[in-house]
Amino acid sequence: MSTVQPKLLPLTHYLTEIPEKTASTLKCKALTISVLEKICWVALIAIAATVLTISYSGTVLTGGASLLVGGMVLSTLFFATGASQFKIWSNQFSERAKREERVALELRKIAAWKTPEIEQFLHEQGLSLEQTALNALKQVHREPLCALLPLIARFKCLQEEAQNLERTSKTCLAAQHPEIEDEGDRSTLCLDDWRRGWRLHEYEAIPRAMDAATMLELIQDPTRELSVLNVGQYRIKTLEEREAQHKYGRMGEKDNYFVFHKKLNRTPLTLETVEQNMDPRDLRLQLFRP
């Protein structure tokens, strides 16, 4: 007589994926796309060489030959766009692979953690042990809390990334370059640094801190798939756009940084609100615990 197998409870994919394998897969994708990028550049060079050869030879093209060369010239736009897009995708996959490698390294560092260490971590991050889905975690590890280690490792990596990016951002935003004597050159260099610093702050450091906050929410409830974009969208702006909004923007809208989906009926998070405390523990409450 067959026995009914208990239904498995859902768990976020971060608990079932192996970071090393994910990194290897992402590297393969990055390499494949990089090859496609190079193929596009080779095609561009070949087309350019063919058109130049025909131009210098003085050959008069008629009929089908003229149409063929015209089509080759037009195709350069396709290959140039493709090469540019392939480069972006390749870089994105490479960066994701590097992150997975860092997660794997962090996971090895905390591999010896047992229930007491994990309970201490939960306490430090303001997470409730009583609300953790222990039954679901038992599917992965006989000590339920130990199943959370992949999420904890990912949180630690994201938190460190956010801190490093914010540290670099502040250095750039504080740049003065007194060693440059020419005032015009100094102003140009400072502006470039300020733009880079602001981009690191608004485009990278804060989103990374919010990703870390999302990991904390998943640690609290690992039975779902979740990202920041499930609750809202960023309103990221350049340094010039942010300054213009401060000067000319409508009050109440000028500083919006994260806007929640309409169905949630929640007030947007302003940049000032987020900047006051970028600790993932506090950002988690702002994002997921209204």
C-alpha atoms as a PDB file:
ATOM      1  CA  MET A   1       0.000   0.000   0.000  1.00  0.00           C
ATOM      2  CA  SER A   2       1.478   3.334  -1.081  1.00  0.00           C
ATOM      3  CA  THR A   3       1.900   6.116   1.414  1.00  0.00           C
ATOM      4  CA  VAL A   4       1.077   9.730   0.645  1.00  0.00           C
ATOM      5  CA  GLN A   5       4.210  11.852   0.523  1.00  0.00           C
ATOM      6  CA  PRO A   6       3.949  15.096   2.470  1.00  0.00           C
ATOM      7  CA  LYS A   7       3.636  18.144   0.260  1.00  0.00           C
ATOM      8  CA  LEU A   8       6.841  20.145   0.097  1.00  0.00           C
ATOM      9  CA  LEU A   9       6.521  23.739   1.227  1.00  0.00           C
ATOM     10  CA  PRO A  10       7.858  26.437  -1.137  1.00  0.00           C
ATOM     11  CA  LEU A  11      11.231  28.027  -0.457  1.00  0.00           C
ATOM     12  CA  THR A  12      13.030  30.907  -2.121  1.00  0.00           C
ATOM     13  CA  HIS A  13      15.471  29.785  -4.813  1.00  0.00           C
ATOM     14  CA  TYR A  14      18.353  31.338  -2.871  1.00  0.00           C
ATOM     15  CA  LEU A  15      18.125  28.411  -0.429  1.00  0.00           C
ATOM     16  CA  THR A  16      18.272  25.708  -3.088  1.00  0.00           C
ATOM     17  CA  GLU A  17      20.823  27.138  -5.533  1.00  0.00           C
ATOM     18  CA  ILE A  18      24.551  26.510  -5.128  1.00  0.00           C
ATOM     19  CA  PRO A  19      26.471  29.806  -5.556  1.00  0.00           C
ATOM     20  CA  GLU A  20      29.519  28.113  -7.137  1.00  0.00           C
ATOM     21  CA  LYS A  21      27.367  26.463  -9.812  1.00  0.00           C
ATOM     22  CA  THR A  22      25.440  29.669 -10.428  1.00  0.00           C
ATOM     23  CA  ALA A  23      28.720  31.580 -10.826  1.00  0.00           C
ATOM     24  CA  SER A  24      29.989  29.000 -13.315  1.00  0.00           C
ATOM     25  CA  THR A  25      26.778  29.237 -15.356  1.00  0.00           C
ATOM     26  CA  LEU A  26      26.916  33.021 -15.392  1.00  0.00           C
ATOM     27  CA  LYS A  27      30.555  32.978 -16.493  1.00  0.00           C
ATOM     28  CA  CYS A  28      29.663  30.706 -19.410  1.00  0.00           C
ATOM     29  CA  LYS A  29      26.881  33.077 -20.438  1.00  0.00           C
ATOM     30  CA  ALA A  30      29.228  36.058 -20.195  1.00  0.00           C
ATOM     31  CA  LEU A  31      31.821  34.266 -22.340  1.00  0.00           C
ATOM     32  CA  THR A  32      29.266  33.238 -24.966  1.00  0.00           C
ATOM     33  CA  ILE A  33      27.890  36.764 -25.248  1.00  0.00           C
ATOM     34  CA  SER A  34      31.430  38.169 -25.387  1.00  0.00           C
ATOM     35  CA  VAL A  35      32.109  35.915 -28.387  1.00  0.00           C
ATOM     36  CA  LEU A  36      28.974  37.262 -30.083  1.00  0.00           C
ATOM     37  CA  GLU A  37      30.212  40.789 -29.431  1.00  0.00           C
ATOM     38  CA  LYS A  38      33.525  39.996 -31.109  1.00  0.00           C
ATOM     39  CA  ILE A  39      31.712  38.444 -34.085  1.00  0.00           C
ATOM     40  CA  CYS A  40      29.802  41.697 -34.529  1.00  0.00           C
ATOM     41  CA  TRP A  41      33.037  43.695 -34.508  1.00  0.00           C
ATOM     42  CA  VAL A  42      34.635  41.338 -37.029  1.00  0.00           C
ATOM     43  CA  ALA A  43      31.598  41.724 -39.283  1.00  0.00           C
ATOM     44  CA  LEU A  44      31.814  45.513 -38.979  1.00  0.00           C
ATOM     45  CA  ILE A  45      35.496  45.520 -39.903  1.00  0.00           C
ATOM     46  CA  ALA A  46      34.869  43.218 -42.863  1.00  0.00           C
ATOM     47  CA  ILE A  47      32.050  45.411 -44.164  1.00  0.00           C
ATOM     48  CA  ALA A  48      34.111  48.583 -43.722  1.00  0.00           C
ATOM     49  CA  ALA A  49      37.069  47.004 -45.510  1.00  0.00           C
ATOM     50  CA  THR A  50      34.861  45.881 -48.409  1.00  0.00           C
ATOM     51  CA  VAL A  51      33.244  49.307 -48.834  1.00  0.00           C
ATOM     52  CA  LEU A  52      36.611  51.091 -48.671  1.00  0.00           C
ATOM     53  CA  THR A  53      38.112  48.705 -51.226  1.00  0.00           C
ATOM     54  CA  ILE A  54      35.264  49.343 -53.641  1.00  0.00           C
ATOM     55  CA  SER A  55      35.514  53.114 -53.073  1.00  0.00           C
ATOM     56  CA  TYR A  56      39.244  53.272 -53.714  1.00  0.00           C
ATOM     57  CA  SER A  57      39.095  50.974 -56.720  1.00  0.00           C
ATOM     58  CA  GLY A  58      36.781  53.376 -58.513  1.00  0.00           C
ATOM     59  CA  THR A  59      34.482  50.553 -59.504  1.00  0.00           C
ATOM     60  CA  VAL A  60      31.098  51.757 -60.728  1.00  0.00           C
ATOM     61  CA  LEU A  61      28.331  49.718 -59.149  1.00  0.00           C
ATOM     62  CA  THR A  62      25.102  49.091 -60.959  1.00  0.00           C
ATOM     63  CA  GLY A  63      21.931  47.121 -60.328  1.00  0.00           C
ATOM     64  CA  GLY A  64      22.133  44.347 -57.762  1.00  0.00           C
ATOM     65  CA  ALA A  65      25.738  45.118 -56.775  1.00  0.00           C
ATOM     66  CA  SER A  66      24.780  48.641 -55.775  1.00  0.00           C
ATOM     67  CA  LEU A  67      21.890  47.382 -53.685  1.00  0.00           C
ATOM     68  CA  LEU A  68      24.139  44.789 -52.068  1.00  0.00           C
ATOM     69  CA  VAL A  69      26.728  47.366 -51.011  1.00  0.00           C
ATOM     70  CA  GLY A  70      23.979  49.679 -49.789  1.00  0.00           C
ATOM     71  CA  GLY A  71      22.570  46.846 -47.682  1.00  0.00           C
ATOM     72  CA  MET A  72      26.033  46.158 -46.266  1.00  0.00           C
ATOM     73  CA  VAL A  73      26.424  49.790 -45.235  1.00  0.00           C
ATOM     74  CA  LEU A  74      23.011  49.805 -43.549  1.00  0.00           C
ATOM     75  CA  SER A  75      23.817  46.570 -41.743  1.00  0.00           C
ATOM     76  CA  THR A  76      26.701  48.280 -39.943  1.00  0.00           C
ATOM     77  CA  LEU A  77      24.138  49.960 -37.678  1.00  0.00           C
ATOM     78  CA  PHE A  78      22.717  46.562 -36.757  1.00  0.00           C
ATOM     79  CA  PHE A  79      26.138  45.088 -35.959  1.00  0.00           C
ATOM     80  CA  ALA A  80      27.272  48.197 -34.034  1.00  0.00           C
ATOM     81  CA  THR A  81      24.106  48.169 -31.914  1.00  0.00           C
ATOM     82  CA  GLY A  82      24.444  44.427 -31.373  1.00  0.00           C
ATOM     83  CA  ALA A  83      28.077  44.713 -30.296  1.00  0.00           C
ATOM     84  CA  SER A  84      27.225  47.466 -27.805  1.00  0.00           C
ATOM     85  CA  GLN A  85      24.301  45.512 -26.338  1.00  0.00           C
ATOM     86  CA  PHE A  86      26.278  42.268 -26.153  1.00  0.00           C
ATOM     87  CA  LYS A  87      29.025  44.088 -24.241  1.00  0.00           C
ATOM     88  CA  ILE A  88      26.489  45.383 -21.705  1.00  0.00           C
ATOM     89  CA  TRP A  89      24.982  41.919 -21.228  1.00  0.00           C
ATOM     90  CA  SER A  90      28.393  40.286 -20.940  1.00  0.00           C
ATOM     91  CA  ASN A  91      29.455  42.772 -18.255  1.00  0.00           C
ATOM     92  CA  GLN A  92      26.202  42.231 -16.363  1.00  0.00           C
ATOM     93  CA  PHE A  93      26.638  38.454 -16.334  1.00  0.00           C
ATOM     94  CA  SER A  94      30.288  38.851 -15.278  1.00  0.00           C
ATOM     95  CA  GLU A  95      29.328  41.099 -12.353  1.00  0.00           C
ATOM     96  CA  ARG A  96      26.621  38.675 -11.255  1.00  0.00           C
ATOM     97  CA  ALA A  97      29.133  35.817 -11.438  1.00  0.00           C
ATOM     98  CA  LYS A  98      31.562  37.759  -9.232  1.00  0.00           C
ATOM     99  CA  ARG A  99      28.820  38.325  -6.684  1.00  0.00           C
ATOM    100  CA  GLU A 100      27.966  34.624  -6.593  1.00  0.00           C
ATOM    101  CA  GLU A 101      31.637  33.873  -5.983  1.00  0.00           C
ATOM    102  CA  ARG A 102      31.642  36.331  -3.079  1.00  0.00           C
ATOM    103  CA  VAL A 103      28.501  34.703  -1.697  1.00  0.00           C
ATOM    104  CA  ALA A 104      30.157  31.302  -1.943  1.00  0.00           C
ATOM    105  CA  LEU A 105      33.210  32.624  -0.091  1.00  0.00           C
ATOM    106  CA  GLU A 106      31.064  34.179   2.639  1.00  0.00           C
ATOM    107  CA  LEU A 107      29.077  30.962   2.950  1.00  0.00           C
ATOM    108  CA  ARG A 108      32.290  29.054   3.611  1.00  0.00           C
ATOM    109  CA  LYS A 109      33.201  31.580   6.318  1.00  0.00           C
ATOM    110  CA  ILE A 110      29.967  30.989   8.245  1.00  0.00           C
ATOM    111  CA  ALA A 111      29.588  27.293   7.416  1.00  0.00           C
ATOM    112  CA  ALA A 112      30.337  26.366  11.041  1.00  0.00           C
ATOM    113  CA  TRP A 113      27.489  28.485  12.389  1.00  0.00           C
ATOM    114  CA  LYS A 114      24.918  26.534  14.344  1.00  0.00           C
ATOM    115  CA  THR A 115      21.590  27.473  15.907  1.00  0.00           C
ATOM    116  CA  PRO A 116      23.046  29.745  18.673  1.00  0.00           C
ATOM    117  CA  GLU A 117      25.040  31.871  16.186  1.00  0.00           C
ATOM    118  CA  ILE A 118      22.074  32.161  13.834  1.00  0.00           C
ATOM    119  CA  GLU A 119      19.721  33.111  16.661  1.00  0.00           C
ATOM    120  CA  GLN A 120      22.199  35.834  17.638  1.00  0.00           C
ATOM    121  CA  PHE A 121      22.238  37.092  14.037  1.00  0.00           C
ATOM    122  CA  LEU A 122      18.435  37.162  13.931  1.00  0.00           C
ATOM    123  CA  HIS A 123      18.359  39.125  17.166  1.00  0.00           C
ATOM    124  CA  GLU A 124      20.926  41.659  15.903  1.00  0.00           C
ATOM    125  CA  GLN A 125      18.937  42.247  12.714  1.00  0.00           C
ATOM    126  CA  GLY A 126      15.616  42.657  14.495  1.00  0.00           C
ATOM    127  CA  LEU A 127      14.156  39.424  13.116  1.00  0.00           C
ATOM    128  CA  SER A 128      11.684  37.280  15.022  1.00  0.00           C
ATOM    129  CA  LEU A 129      12.484  33.616  15.569  1.00  0.00           C
ATOM    130  CA  GLU A 130       8.819  32.924  16.245  1.00  0.00           C
ATOM    131  CA  GLN A 131       7.867  34.145  12.755  1.00  0.00           C
ATOM    132  CA  THR A 132      10.473  32.067  10.917  1.00  0.00           C
ATOM    133  CA  ALA A 133       9.034  29.187   8.856  1.00  0.00           C
ATOM    134  CA  LEU A 134      10.817  26.382  10.704  1.00  0.00           C
ATOM    135  CA  ASN A 135       8.698  23.602   9.183  1.00  0.00           C
ATOM    136  CA  ALA A 136       9.646  24.654   5.676  1.00  0.00           C
ATOM    137  CA  LEU A 137      13.329  24.953   6.625  1.00  0.00           C
ATOM    138  CA  LYS A 138      13.351  21.395   7.997  1.00  0.00           C
ATOM    139  CA  GLN A 139      13.019  20.237   4.383  1.00  0.00           C
ATOM    140  CA  VAL A 140      16.553  21.533   3.784  1.00  0.00           C
ATOM    141  CA  HIS A 141      18.379  20.922   7.065  1.00  0.00           C
ATOM    142  CA  ARG A 142      17.736  18.909  10.217  1.00  0.00           C
ATOM    143  CA  GLU A 143      18.657  22.045  12.186  1.00  0.00           C
ATOM    144  CA  PRO A 144      16.084  24.368  10.557  1.00  0.00           C
ATOM    145  CA  LEU A 145      17.899  27.633  11.198  1.00  0.00           C
ATOM    146  CA  CYS A 146      21.051  26.293   9.534  1.00  0.00           C
ATOM    147  CA  ALA A 147      19.098  26.226   6.265  1.00  0.00           C
ATOM    148  CA  LEU A 148      19.168  30.027   6.384  1.00  0.00           C
ATOM    149  CA  LEU A 149      22.956  30.230   5.981  1.00  0.00           C
ATOM    150  CA  PRO A 150      22.861  30.837   2.175  1.00  0.00           C
ATOM    151  CA  LEU A 151      20.537  33.797   2.726  1.00  0.00           C
ATOM    152  CA  ILE A 152      22.672  35.129   5.561  1.00  0.00           C
ATOM    153  CA  ALA A 153      25.806  34.857   3.413  1.00  0.00           C
ATOM    154  CA  ARG A 154      24.079  36.730   0.572  1.00  0.00           C
ATOM    155  CA  PHE A 155      22.898  39.410   2.977  1.00  0.00           C
ATOM    156  CA  LYS A 156      26.418  39.911   4.305  1.00  0.00           C
ATOM    157  CA  CYS A 157      27.813  40.280   0.773  1.00  0.00           C
ATOM    158  CA  LEU A 158      25.169  42.802  -0.254  1.00  0.00           C
ATOM    159  CA  GLN A 159      25.626  44.771   2.946  1.00  0.00           C
ATOM    160  CA  GLU A 160      29.394  44.909   2.412  1.00  0.00           C
ATOM    161  CA  GLU A 161      28.938  45.975  -1.226  1.00  0.00           C
ATOM    162  CA  ALA A 162      26.609  48.786  -0.163  1.00  0.00           C
ATOM    163  CA  GLN A 163      29.048  49.997   2.492  1.00  0.00           C
ATOM    164  CA  ASN A 164      32.030  49.927   0.121  1.00  0.00           C
ATOM    165  CA  LEU A 165      30.109  51.757  -2.617  1.00  0.00           C
ATOM    166  CA  GLU A 166      28.892  54.410  -0.181  1.00  0.00           C
ATOM    167  CA  ARG A 167      32.407  54.868   1.188  1.00  0.00           C
ATOM    168  CA  THR A 168      33.794  55.409  -2.326  1.00  0.00           C
ATOM    169  CA  SER A 169      30.883  57.724  -3.128  1.00  0.00           C
ATOM    170  CA  LYS A 170      31.623  59.967  -0.165  1.00  0.00           C
ATOM    171  CA  THR A 171      35.288  60.161  -1.166  1.00  0.00           C
ATOM    172  CA  CYS A 172      34.330  61.276  -4.681  1.00  0.00           C
ATOM    173  CA  LEU A 173      31.756  63.798  -3.443  1.00  0.00           C
ATOM    174  CA  ALA A 174      34.335  65.322  -1.094  1.00  0.00           C
ATOM    175  CA  ALA A 175      36.952  65.739  -3.844  1.00  0.00           C
ATOM    176  CA  GLN A 176      38.522  69.216  -4.075  1.00  0.00           C
ATOM    177  CA  HIS A 177      41.824  68.614  -5.943  1.00  0.00           C
ATOM    178  CA  PRO A 178      43.826  71.500  -4.448  1.00  0.00           C
ATOM    179  CA  GLU A 179      46.884  70.173  -6.296  1.00  0.00           C
ATOM    180  CA  ILE A 180      45.417  71.408  -9.604  1.00  0.00           C
ATOM    181  CA  GLU A 181      46.427  75.046 -10.034  1.00  0.00           C
ATOM    182  CA  ASP A 182      44.226  75.958 -12.984  1.00  0.00           C
ATOM    183  CA  GLU A 183      40.777  76.812 -11.641  1.00  0.00           C
ATOM    184  CA  GLY A 184      38.984  75.650 -14.788  1.00  0.00           C
ATOM    185  CA  ASP A 185      40.729  72.289 -14.843  1.00  0.00           C
ATOM    186  CA  ARG A 186      40.109  71.872 -11.107  1.00  0.00           C
ATOM    187  CA  SER A 187      36.407  72.632 -11.496  1.00  0.00           C
ATOM    188  CA  THR A 188      36.052  70.168 -14.365  1.00  0.00           C
ATOM    189  CA  LEU A 189      37.829  67.409 -12.459  1.00  0.00           C
ATOM    190  CA  CYS A 190      35.799  68.057  -9.304  1.00  0.00           C
ATOM    191  CA  LEU A 191      32.543  67.966 -11.263  1.00  0.00           C
ATOM    192  CA  ASP A 192      33.512  64.628 -12.825  1.00  0.00           C
ATOM    193  CA  ASP A 193      34.248  63.236  -9.359  1.00  0.00           C
ATOM    194  CA  TRP A 194      31.002  64.600  -7.937  1.00  0.00           C
ATOM    195  CA  ARG A 195      29.012  63.053 -10.781  1.00  0.00           C
ATOM    196  CA  ARG A 196      30.709  59.692 -10.243  1.00  0.00           C
ATOM    197  CA  GLY A 197      30.196  59.926  -6.482  1.00  0.00           C
ATOM    198  CA  TRP A 198      26.520  60.735  -6.870  1.00  0.00           C
ATOM    199  CA  ARG A 199      26.031  57.908  -9.346  1.00  0.00           C
ATOM    200  CA  LEU A 200      27.653  55.471  -6.925  1.00  0.00           C
ATOM    201  CA  HIS A 201      25.432  56.777  -4.126  1.00  0.00           C
ATOM    202  CA  GLU A 202      22.055  56.919  -5.841  1.00  0.00           C
ATOM    203  CA  TYR A 203      22.417  54.309  -8.588  1.00  0.00           C
ATOM    204  CA  GLU A 204      24.377  51.635  -6.726  1.00  0.00           C
ATOM    205  CA  ALA A 205      24.941  52.029  -2.974  1.00  0.00           C
ATOM    206  CA  ILE A 206      21.317  52.658  -1.964  1.00  0.00           C
ATOM    207  CA  PRO A 207      19.846  49.941  -4.247  1.00  0.00           C
ATOM    208  CA  ARG A 208      22.413  47.488  -2.908  1.00  0.00           C
ATOM    209  CA  ALA A 209      21.436  48.353   0.658  1.00  0.00           C
ATOM    210  CA  MET A 210      17.798  47.809  -0.284  1.00  0.00           C
ATOM    211  CA  ASP A 211      18.717  44.430  -1.776  1.00  0.00           C
ATOM    212  CA  ALA A 212      20.338  43.565   1.553  1.00  0.00           C
ATOM    213  CA  ALA A 213      17.124  44.632   3.308  1.00  0.00           C
ATOM    214  CA  THR A 214      15.224  42.297   0.981  1.00  0.00           C
ATOM    215  CA  MET A 215      17.468  39.417   2.051  1.00  0.00           C
ATOM    216  CA  LEU A 216      16.565  40.147   5.667  1.00  0.00           C
ATOM    217  CA  GLU A 217      12.889  39.975   4.755  1.00  0.00           C
ATOM    218  CA  LEU A 218      13.488  36.633   3.038  1.00  0.00           C
ATOM    219  CA  ILE A 219      15.361  35.353   6.090  1.00  0.00           C
ATOM    220  CA  GLN A 220      12.281  36.248   8.125  1.00  0.00           C
ATOM    221  CA  ASP A 221      10.016  34.517   5.598  1.00  0.00           C
ATOM    222  CA  PRO A 222      11.941  32.214   3.210  1.00  0.00           C
ATOM    223  CA  THR A 223       8.765  30.642   1.777  1.00  0.00           C
ATOM    224  CA  ARG A 224       8.397  33.191  -1.035  1.00  0.00           C
ATOM    225  CA  GLU A 225      10.238  34.809  -3.906  1.00  0.00           C
ATOM    226  CA  LEU A 226      10.789  38.507  -3.307  1.00  0.00           C
ATOM    227  CA  SER A 227      12.620  41.511  -4.712  1.00  0.00           C
ATOM    228  CA  VAL A 228      12.425  45.238  -4.073  1.00  0.00           C
ATOM    229  CA  LEU A 229      10.555  45.644  -7.355  1.00  0.00           C
ATOM    230  CA  ASN A 230       7.684  43.566  -5.959  1.00  0.00           C
ATOM    231  CA  VAL A 231       6.680  46.530  -3.824  1.00  0.00           C
ATOM    232  CA  GLY A 232       7.691  49.536  -5.908  1.00  0.00           C
ATOM    233  CA  GLN A 233      10.028  51.266  -8.337  1.00  0.00           C
ATOM    234  CA  TYR A 234      13.097  53.467  -8.038  1.00  0.00           C
ATOM    235  CA  ARG A 235      13.080  57.123  -9.089  1.00  0.00           C
ATOM    236  CA  ILE A 236      16.822  57.414  -9.582  1.00  0.00           C
ATOM    237  CA  LYS A 237      18.239  60.698 -10.874  1.00  0.00           C
ATOM    238  CA  THR A 238      21.587  62.144 -11.877  1.00  0.00           C
ATOM    239  CA  LEU A 239      23.319  64.817  -9.834  1.00  0.00           C
ATOM    240  CA  GLU A 240      22.080  67.546 -12.184  1.00  0.00           C
ATOM    241  CA  GLU A 241      18.506  66.215 -12.182  1.00  0.00           C
ATOM    242  CA  ARG A 242      18.423  65.988  -8.400  1.00  0.00           C
ATOM    243  CA  GLU A 243      19.800  69.526  -8.029  1.00  0.00           C
ATOM    244  CA  ALA A 244      17.286  70.865 -10.542  1.00  0.00           C
ATOM    245  CA  GLN A 245      14.422  69.224  -8.674  1.00  0.00           C
ATOM    246  CA  HIS A 246      15.648  70.669  -5.410  1.00  0.00           C
ATOM    247  CA  LYS A 247      15.601  74.112  -6.998  1.00  0.00           C
ATOM    248  CA  TYR A 248      12.582  73.945  -9.287  1.00  0.00           C
ATOM    249  CA  GLY A 249      10.671  70.738  -8.487  1.00  0.00           C
ATOM    250  CA  ARG A 250       7.249  70.653  -6.942  1.00  0.00           C
ATOM    251  CA  MET A 251       7.295  70.215  -3.187  1.00  0.00           C
ATOM    252  CA  GLY A 252       6.396  66.667  -2.206  1.00  0.00           C
ATOM    253  CA  GLU A 253       7.669  65.196  -5.478  1.00  0.00           C
ATOM    254  CA  LYS A 254      11.135  66.619  -5.834  1.00  0.00           C
ATOM    255  CA  ASP A 255      12.857  64.156  -3.484  1.00  0.00           C
ATOM    256  CA  ASN A 256      10.966  60.935  -4.217  1.00  0.00           C
ATOM    257  CA  TYR A 257      13.425  58.063  -4.468  1.00  0.00           C
ATOM    258  CA  PHE A 258      11.264  54.945  -4.181  1.00  0.00           C
ATOM    259  CA  VAL A 259       7.596  54.912  -5.187  1.00  0.00           C
ATOM    260  CA  PHE A 260       5.405  52.053  -3.984  1.00  0.00           C
ATOM    261  CA  HIS A 261       2.921  50.357  -6.290  1.00  0.00           C
ATOM    262  CA  LYS A 262      -0.470  52.092  -6.294  1.00  0.00           C
ATOM    263  CA  LYS A 263      -2.289  49.070  -4.887  1.00  0.00           C
ATOM    264  CA  LEU A 264      -0.223  49.318  -1.700  1.00  0.00           C
ATOM    265  CA  ASN A 265      -1.430  52.880  -1.113  1.00  0.00           C
ATOM    266  CA  ARG A 266       1.778  53.916   0.616  1.00  0.00           C
ATOM    267  CA  THR A 267       3.650  57.218   0.745  1.00  0.00           C
ATOM    268  CA  PRO A 268       6.837  57.211  -1.394  1.00  0.00           C
ATOM    269  CA  LEU A 269      10.207  57.107   0.299  1.00  0.00           C
ATOM    270  CA  THR A 270      12.102  60.338  -0.239  1.00  0.00           C
ATOM    271  CA  LEU A 271      15.825  60.390  -0.814  1.00  0.00           C
ATOM    272  CA  GLU A 272      16.280  62.219   2.486  1.00  0.00           C
ATOM    273  CA  THR A 273      14.343  59.525   4.351  1.00  0.00           C
ATOM    274  CA  VAL A 274      16.488  56.764   2.872  1.00  0.00           C
ATOM    275  CA  GLU A 275      19.740  58.637   3.424  1.00  0.00           C
ATOM    276  CA  GLN A 276      19.005  59.210   7.106  1.00  0.00           C
ATOM    277  CA  ASN A 277      19.647  55.545   7.790  1.00  0.00           C
ATOM    278  CA  MET A 278      20.883  53.165   5.097  1.00  0.00           C
ATOM    279  CA  ASP A 279      21.183  50.268   7.524  1.00  0.00           C
ATOM    280  CA  PRO A 280      19.400  47.294   5.860  1.00  0.00           C
ATOM    281  CA  ARG A 281      17.704  46.536   9.171  1.00  0.00           C
ATOM    282  CA  ASP A 282      15.907  49.902   9.053  1.00  0.00           C
ATOM    283  CA  LEU A 283      15.376  49.879   5.292  1.00  0.00           C
ATOM    284  CA  ARG A 284      13.590  46.538   5.655  1.00  0.00           C
ATOM    285  CA  LEU A 285      11.040  48.129   7.964  1.00  0.00           C
ATOM    286  CA  GLN A 286      10.509  51.042   5.562  1.00  0.00           C
ATOM    287  CA  LEU A 287      10.073  48.734   2.557  1.00  0.00           C
ATOM    288  CA  PHE A 288       8.193  45.746   3.912  1.00  0.00           C
ATOM    289  CA  ARG A 289       6.765  46.681   7.318  1.00  0.00           C
ATOM    290  CA  PRO A 290       4.628  49.812   6.867  1.00  0.00           C
END
